[in-house]
Amino acid sequence: MKTRLIAVFLVTFGIFVSISAHADSRPVYVIPIRGEINPSLTVFLRRSIETARKEGASHIVFDIDTFGGRVDSALQIANLIGSLDDITTIAYVMIHPDGTGVSWSAGALISFASDAIYMAPGTSMGAAAPVLQSPEGMTLADEKTVSAVRTQMAALAEKNGYERAIALAMVDQDLEILEVTTNGRVRVLTRAEFETLLRRAGDGDVIDEGPVVSESGKLLTLTAGEMERYAVSSGTVSTRRELFEALGVSDARIVDLQPTTADEIVAALTGAGFTSLLILAGILALFMEITSPGFGVPGTVAILCFAIIFSSNFLLGTVGSVELLLFVVGVVLLVLEIFIIPGFGVAGISGIAMIAISLILSMQDFVLPTFQWEWDQFHRNVLLVIGNIVGAFLAFGAVAYFMPKFQFFNRIALATAQSSADGYSVQSETESETLVGRTGVAVTTLRPSGKAEIGDDILQVESEGEFIDANTSIKVIAVNGNRVIVRRV
């Protein structure tokens, strides 16, 4: 019996040690969130998180250093982080030599989506109100947009155990929040929450009103020390080593993920500047190819430009079959308008419109905008596409006007007119018949072709094979199409 108990104990202990060793062997992934929050960063994070999940990571540390960025991208990233129930997520705001040491705006929203927040001394977090670009500069979004972000921020705070009032004040500048001590516990409440607490307090509750943390009319931004004081940050740590020790994973395998060259290329290709250049070059090349015989360099350039636009945006998840179909149908309508349908009307305008719509939709993940940040993005996309289509039209006109004047173009294309003054003439069938039998004088030496004066016209003629000197009398003996055959008289 005693032996059996010892055996059971040893087996149980072995299983426990095995499980513990397995748990300790799970890696810790560090994923950077730096610079502007945009769709290309979302793609990188989605792929990185999936890699960490497949490798059985115990923790994912998001190394955050950002002023913010697009609201839609921040919401998508927050949802990605919030979906990781089997992995502990950590937002760590640290100072990099080439960084800013902040997690503002969209960065704060992403930080609140994590299970825990750690910050380095000298860093800060907050100012998460959505702002939009206007002719007057950066302005706060409308109430509908602010309400949506405020609600999401509060939901993340409630989910992860952060002070709800702090999350709200980072988004809504109209809130006043204050420090309140309830039965020895320091909390942060909105003014409305504090008044409700006073009404509901029992006889034994001790409630002390502390200083105002954030006044109405100002967005809340907190330092690392303040975040720790109000229990939003789990601690202030200077280095990653200190962070890993605080998490209890200092002996774990640390895996650092960084954007690859492919990520950087996609980010560049989907940027406004490069996209604008691709649209301009693609539309211009498309016009040149459609109005030229055969298939040549302009067609190749057009295919390359639009392939880059659609493929890079496909990686961002904003291109599907609808956008591609609209573009193809638009090109077909444009071809029909130019080559088959006389004039320029409904088909041509519809073709250009469908091409423009396909390009606009390829740069956004919605069809019709709902929130103000979507309207802001939609307006930018429309201006980008329409502006470059107009620019392509103007460039096409300039190319058509100026190119024949360049010496290089004259080497590869006919740039001169054949006028009657130079001896070129096309006669009707009746006129050609009347030439037979008429006489004239060779203006140039016929070798065997040249020019001859017949009546009042200078015509391009040719002899029967012999050379005829200039000023020699000749006679028209036959006319074959535009060929006028003469012989010496």
Foldseek 3Di string as FASTA:
>chain_A
DVVVVVVVVVVVVVVVVVVVVVVLQAFEEEEEDEEEQDLLVLLVVLVVVVVSVVSRHQEYEYAYFYQYYFPVSLVSLLVVQLVCPRHQYEYEQADDPPTDSEQEASSQLSRLSGLAYEYAAPHKYALNADWFQDPVGIDGFDPVRLVVQLVSQLVSCVVNVAASQLSNLRHALQWWKFWKAKPNDIAIDTPVVVVVCVVPDDPPIDMDTGGTQHDRRDRDMGGNVVCVVNPRHPYHDHDVCVVCVVVVNNVYHYHYDDDDPVSVVLVVCLDLVNLLVLLLLLLLLLVVQLPDPDGDDSNVSNVVSVCSLQVSLVSSVQDDPQLVVLLVQLSVLCSCQVPPNPDHDDSNVSSLVSNLLSSLSSSDNDNDDDGPSSVSSSVVSNCSNVVSNVVSVVVNVVCVPCVLVDPVSVVPDPNDDDDQVQADDFDDPVVQVVQAFFKWFFQAWPCQWHWTDTPNGIHIEGEPRDIDHGRFMWGFHHDDGRYTYIYGD
